[in-house]
Amino acid sequence: MAVVTITAENFDNEVKNSDIPVLVDFWAAWCGPCQMQGPVVEQAAEVLDGKVKIGKLNVDEAGNLAQEYGVMSIPTLILFENGEVAKKEVGFHTLEQINAMLP
C-alpha cells in the first residue's frame, strides 16, 4: 500500500476512523532528518501492507494537528490504534525500529 497523505481535512477519516492501526509521520520539507525518514516510511508501507496504514502529515500544512498531538520536534512518528495515540517516537527511525513500535 502506498503512503497516504494525511491532511487536516482527511485526518478523521484516514486516522481516527481506520479499521487498522495507523502510523503517521509528522514531517516538513525543510527538515533534513525528515528527508532521511521518508524512504524508510515508504519501505514500511510496502512491507506492512494491510497490517498498518502508513501516512505522512506535513506540519507546515496542518500545524493545528501537530500542536494537538504535542509534536515539538520532527520527524515524529505517532502510532494510532482505534483513533487514539498508542505510541509516539521522535527522531529518525530505522525500519526495524518502526516494526518494534507496531502491535
N, C-alpha and C. Protein backbone atom coordinates (compact mmCIF):
# COMPACT_ATOMS: atom_id res chain seq x y z
N MET A 1 0.84 -1.18 0.00
CA MET A 1 0.00 0.00 0.00
C MET A 1 0.89 1.24 0.00
N ALA A 2 0.49 2.21 -0.75
CA ALA A 2 1.24 3.45 -0.80
C ALA A 2 1.03 4.26 0.47
N VAL A 3 1.96 5.15 0.72
CA VAL A 3 1.84 6.06 1.85
C VAL A 3 0.69 7.01 1.57
N VAL A 4 -0.16 7.22 2.57
CA VAL A 4 -1.32 8.10 2.45
C VAL A 4 -0.92 9.50 2.91
N THR A 5 -1.29 10.49 2.14
CA THR A 5 -1.07 11.87 2.56
C THR A 5 -2.19 12.25 3.52
N ILE A 6 -1.80 12.57 4.75
CA ILE A 6 -2.76 12.94 5.79
C ILE A 6 -2.83 14.47 5.85
N THR A 7 -4.05 14.98 5.84
CA THR A 7 -4.28 16.42 5.93
C THR A 7 -5.28 16.69 7.06
N ALA A 8 -5.46 17.95 7.37
CA ALA A 8 -6.46 18.30 8.37
C ALA A 8 -7.85 17.86 7.91
N GLU A 9 -8.07 17.91 6.60
CA GLU A 9 -9.38 17.57 6.06
C GLU A 9 -9.69 16.08 6.12
N ASN A 10 -8.68 15.21 5.93
CA ASN A 10 -8.95 13.77 5.90
C ASN A 10 -8.48 13.04 7.16
N PHE A 11 -7.99 13.76 8.16
CA PHE A 11 -7.42 13.13 9.36
C PHE A 11 -8.42 12.20 10.05
N ASP A 12 -9.62 12.67 10.27
CA ASP A 12 -10.61 11.83 10.96
C ASP A 12 -10.88 10.55 10.18
N ASN A 13 -11.08 10.67 8.89
CA ASN A 13 -11.41 9.52 8.06
C ASN A 13 -10.23 8.54 7.96
N GLU A 14 -9.03 9.05 7.72
CA GLU A 14 -7.86 8.20 7.50
C GLU A 14 -7.25 7.66 8.79
N VAL A 15 -7.33 8.42 9.87
CA VAL A 15 -6.65 8.03 11.11
C VAL A 15 -7.64 7.62 12.19
N LYS A 16 -8.49 8.52 12.60
CA LYS A 16 -9.39 8.24 13.73
C LYS A 16 -10.39 7.14 13.43
N ASN A 17 -10.84 7.03 12.18
CA ASN A 17 -11.87 6.04 11.83
C ASN A 17 -11.30 4.82 11.12
N SER A 18 -10.00 4.63 11.16
CA SER A 18 -9.37 3.50 10.46
C SER A 18 -9.64 2.18 11.19
N ASP A 19 -9.86 1.14 10.41
CA ASP A 19 -10.09 -0.20 10.97
C ASP A 19 -8.79 -0.87 11.41
N ILE A 20 -7.67 -0.36 10.90
CA ILE A 20 -6.36 -0.92 11.25
C ILE A 20 -5.51 0.18 11.88
N PRO A 21 -4.44 -0.19 12.61
CA PRO A 21 -3.57 0.83 13.19
C PRO A 21 -2.99 1.74 12.10
N VAL A 22 -2.72 2.99 12.45
CA VAL A 22 -2.18 3.97 11.52
C VAL A 22 -0.91 4.58 12.11
N LEU A 23 0.18 4.51 11.36
CA LEU A 23 1.43 5.16 11.75
C LEU A 23 1.55 6.44 10.95
N VAL A 24 1.58 7.58 11.64
CA VAL A 24 1.65 8.88 10.98
C VAL A 24 3.03 9.48 11.20
N ASP A 25 3.68 9.84 10.10
CA ASP A 25 4.97 10.52 10.09
C ASP A 25 4.70 12.02 10.00
N PHE A 26 4.94 12.74 11.10
CA PHE A 26 4.83 14.20 11.11
C PHE A 26 6.15 14.75 10.60
N TRP A 27 6.14 15.51 9.51
CA TRP A 27 7.36 15.92 8.84
C TRP A 27 7.18 17.31 8.21
N ALA A 28 8.29 17.83 7.63
CA ALA A 28 8.26 19.08 6.85
C ALA A 28 9.34 18.98 5.78
N ALA A 29 9.10 19.67 4.67
CA ALA A 29 10.01 19.62 3.53
C ALA A 29 11.41 20.17 3.85
N TRP A 30 11.49 21.12 4.76
CA TRP A 30 12.77 21.77 5.09
C TRP A 30 13.59 20.98 6.11
N CYS A 31 13.05 19.91 6.63
CA CYS A 31 13.67 19.14 7.72
C CYS A 31 14.58 18.04 7.16
N GLY A 32 15.89 18.16 7.40
CA GLY A 32 16.85 17.17 6.92
C GLY A 32 16.57 15.75 7.40
N PRO A 33 16.43 15.54 8.71
CA PRO A 33 16.13 14.19 9.19
C PRO A 33 14.81 13.64 8.62
N CYS A 34 13.86 14.53 8.34
CA CYS A 34 12.59 14.10 7.75
C CYS A 34 12.83 13.54 6.34
N GLN A 35 13.76 14.16 5.62
CA GLN A 35 14.08 13.68 4.27
C GLN A 35 14.72 12.29 4.33
N MET A 36 15.48 12.02 5.39
CA MET A 36 16.06 10.69 5.59
C MET A 36 14.97 9.69 5.99
N GLN A 37 14.00 10.13 6.78
CA GLN A 37 12.94 9.25 7.27
C GLN A 37 11.99 8.85 6.15
N GLY A 38 11.79 9.72 5.18
CA GLY A 38 10.82 9.48 4.10
C GLY A 38 10.96 8.13 3.41
N PRO A 39 12.15 7.78 2.90
CA PRO A 39 12.29 6.49 2.22
C PRO A 39 12.04 5.29 3.14
N VAL A 40 12.36 5.43 4.41
CA VAL A 40 12.11 4.34 5.37
C VAL A 40 10.61 4.17 5.57
N VAL A 41 9.89 5.28 5.64
CA VAL A 41 8.44 5.23 5.79
C VAL A 41 7.81 4.60 4.55
N GLU A 42 8.33 4.94 3.37
CA GLU A 42 7.85 4.34 2.12
C GLU A 42 8.06 2.83 2.14
N GLN A 43 9.24 2.41 2.59
CA GLN A 43 9.56 0.99 2.67
C GLN A 43 8.63 0.29 3.66
N ALA A 44 8.37 0.92 4.79
CA ALA A 44 7.47 0.36 5.80
C ALA A 44 6.07 0.15 5.21
N ALA A 45 5.62 1.10 4.38
CA ALA A 45 4.29 0.99 3.78
C ALA A 45 4.21 -0.24 2.89
N GLU A 46 5.28 -0.56 2.18
CA GLU A 46 5.30 -1.75 1.32
C GLU A 46 5.33 -3.03 2.16
N VAL A 47 6.20 -3.06 3.15
CA VAL A 47 6.40 -4.26 3.98
C VAL A 47 5.17 -4.56 4.82
N LEU A 48 4.51 -3.54 5.32
CA LEU A 48 3.41 -3.71 6.27
C LEU A 48 2.03 -3.60 5.62
N ASP A 49 1.98 -3.68 4.31
CA ASP A 49 0.74 -3.52 3.56
C ASP A 49 -0.37 -4.39 4.14
N GLY A 50 -1.48 -3.76 4.50
CA GLY A 50 -2.64 -4.48 5.02
C GLY A 50 -2.65 -4.63 6.53
N LYS A 51 -1.49 -4.54 7.17
CA LYS A 51 -1.41 -4.68 8.63
C LYS A 51 -1.53 -3.33 9.32
N VAL A 52 -0.86 -2.34 8.73
CA VAL A 52 -0.82 -0.98 9.29
C VAL A 52 -0.91 0.00 8.14
N LYS A 53 -1.71 1.04 8.32
CA LYS A 53 -1.76 2.12 7.34
C LYS A 53 -0.64 3.09 7.68
N ILE A 54 0.10 3.53 6.67
CA ILE A 54 1.19 4.47 6.88
C ILE A 54 0.81 5.79 6.23
N GLY A 55 0.93 6.87 6.99
CA GLY A 55 0.60 8.18 6.46
C GLY A 55 1.67 9.21 6.79
N LYS A 56 1.68 10.28 5.99
CA LYS A 56 2.60 11.39 6.22
C LYS A 56 1.77 12.66 6.37
N LEU A 57 2.09 13.43 7.40
CA LEU A 57 1.38 14.68 7.66
C LEU A 57 2.40 15.82 7.68
N ASN A 58 2.26 16.76 6.77
CA ASN A 58 3.15 17.91 6.69
C ASN A 58 2.75 18.92 7.77
N VAL A 59 3.64 19.15 8.73
CA VAL A 59 3.31 20.03 9.86
C VAL A 59 3.16 21.49 9.43
N ASP A 60 3.75 21.87 8.31
CA ASP A 60 3.59 23.23 7.82
C ASP A 60 2.18 23.45 7.27
N GLU A 61 1.55 22.38 6.80
CA GLU A 61 0.22 22.48 6.23
C GLU A 61 -0.88 22.14 7.24
N ALA A 62 -0.53 21.43 8.30
CA ALA A 62 -1.52 21.04 9.31
C ALA A 62 -0.94 21.24 10.71
N GLY A 63 -0.49 22.46 10.95
CA GLY A 63 0.12 22.78 12.24
C GLY A 63 -0.79 22.58 13.43
N ASN A 64 -2.10 22.74 13.20
CA ASN A 64 -3.05 22.54 14.30
C ASN A 64 -3.03 21.09 14.79
N LEU A 65 -2.87 20.14 13.87
CA LEU A 65 -2.81 18.73 14.27
C LEU A 65 -1.50 18.42 14.98
N ALA A 66 -0.41 19.00 14.49
CA ALA A 66 0.88 18.81 15.15
C ALA A 66 0.81 19.33 16.58
N GLN A 67 0.21 20.49 16.75
CA GLN A 67 0.06 21.07 18.08
C GLN A 67 -0.85 20.21 18.96
N GLU A 68 -1.95 19.75 18.40
CA GLU A 68 -2.90 18.93 19.15
C GLU A 68 -2.25 17.65 19.70
N TYR A 69 -1.32 17.08 18.93
CA TYR A 69 -0.68 15.83 19.35
C TYR A 69 0.71 16.04 19.95
N GLY A 70 1.02 17.29 20.31
CA GLY A 70 2.24 17.59 21.04
C GLY A 70 3.52 17.37 20.26
N VAL A 71 3.47 17.55 18.95
CA VAL A 71 4.66 17.39 18.13
C VAL A 71 5.51 18.65 18.26
N MET A 72 6.65 18.51 18.94
CA MET A 72 7.55 19.64 19.17
C MET A 72 8.79 19.58 18.29
N SER A 73 9.16 18.38 17.86
CA SER A 73 10.32 18.16 17.00
C SER A 73 9.89 17.20 15.90
N ILE A 74 10.53 17.34 14.75
CA ILE A 74 10.24 16.43 13.65
C ILE A 74 11.52 15.82 13.14
N PRO A 75 11.47 14.61 12.58
CA PRO A 75 10.27 13.81 12.40
C PRO A 75 9.77 13.22 13.72
N THR A 76 8.47 13.10 13.81
CA THR A 76 7.81 12.41 14.92
C THR A 76 6.90 11.36 14.32
N LEU A 77 6.99 10.14 14.83
CA LEU A 77 6.12 9.05 14.39
C LEU A 77 5.11 8.78 15.50
N ILE A 78 3.84 8.81 15.15
CA ILE A 78 2.79 8.51 16.13
C ILE A 78 1.96 7.34 15.60
N LEU A 79 1.83 6.32 16.43
CA LEU A 79 1.00 5.17 16.10
C LEU A 79 -0.37 5.37 16.74
N PHE A 80 -1.41 5.34 15.91
CA PHE A 80 -2.78 5.45 16.38
C PHE A 80 -3.44 4.08 16.29
N GLU A 81 -4.09 3.67 17.38
CA GLU A 81 -4.89 2.46 17.39
C GLU A 81 -6.28 2.82 17.87
N ASN A 82 -7.29 2.43 17.09
CA ASN A 82 -8.68 2.78 17.41
C ASN A 82 -8.85 4.28 17.60
N GLY A 83 -8.14 5.05 16.79
CA GLY A 83 -8.26 6.50 16.81
C GLY A 83 -7.53 7.21 17.92
N GLU A 84 -6.84 6.45 18.78
CA GLU A 84 -6.13 7.03 19.92
C GLU A 84 -4.62 6.83 19.78
N VAL A 85 -3.85 7.72 20.38
CA VAL A 85 -2.39 7.60 20.35
C VAL A 85 -1.98 6.38 21.17
N ALA A 86 -1.25 5.47 20.53
CA ALA A 86 -0.76 4.27 21.22
C ALA A 86 0.73 4.41 21.54
N LYS A 87 1.49 5.00 20.61
CA LYS A 87 2.93 5.20 20.82
C LYS A 87 3.36 6.45 20.07
N LYS A 88 4.42 7.06 20.59
CA LYS A 88 4.95 8.29 19.96
C LYS A 88 6.46 8.24 20.07
N GLU A 89 7.14 8.42 18.94
CA GLU A 89 8.60 8.40 18.90
C GLU A 89 9.08 9.62 18.13
N VAL A 90 10.15 10.24 18.63
CA VAL A 90 10.71 11.44 17.99
C VAL A 90 12.06 11.10 17.40
N GLY A 91 12.34 11.65 16.20
CA GLY A 91 13.63 11.46 15.56
C GLY A 91 13.58 10.40 14.48
N PHE A 92 14.71 10.24 13.81
CA PHE A 92 14.83 9.26 12.73
C PHE A 92 14.72 7.85 13.28
N HIS A 93 14.00 6.98 12.58
CA HIS A 93 13.86 5.57 12.98
C HIS A 93 14.11 4.67 11.78
N THR A 94 14.82 3.58 12.03
CA THR A 94 15.05 2.59 11.00
C THR A 94 13.78 1.75 10.81
N LEU A 95 13.77 0.92 9.78
CA LEU A 95 12.63 0.04 9.56
C LEU A 95 12.45 -0.90 10.75
N GLU A 96 13.54 -1.39 11.31
CA GLU A 96 13.46 -2.28 12.46
C GLU A 96 12.85 -1.57 13.66
N GLN A 97 13.22 -0.31 13.88
CA GLN A 97 12.67 0.45 14.99
C GLN A 97 11.18 0.73 14.78
N ILE A 98 10.80 0.98 13.53
CA ILE A 98 9.38 1.19 13.22
C ILE A 98 8.61 -0.11 13.50
N ASN A 99 9.15 -1.24 13.07
CA ASN A 99 8.49 -2.53 13.32
C ASN A 99 8.30 -2.77 14.81
N ALA A 100 9.28 -2.35 15.62
CA ALA A 100 9.20 -2.56 17.06
C ALA A 100 8.10 -1.72 17.70
N MET A 101 7.69 -0.63 17.05
CA MET A 101 6.62 0.23 17.57
C MET A 101 5.25 -0.40 17.38
N LEU A 102 5.14 -1.29 16.41
CA LEU A 102 3.84 -1.76 15.97
C LEU A 102 3.28 -2.87 16.84
N PRO A 103 1.94 -2.99 16.85
CA PRO A 103 1.31 -4.03 17.67
C PRO A 103 1.58 -5.42 17.12
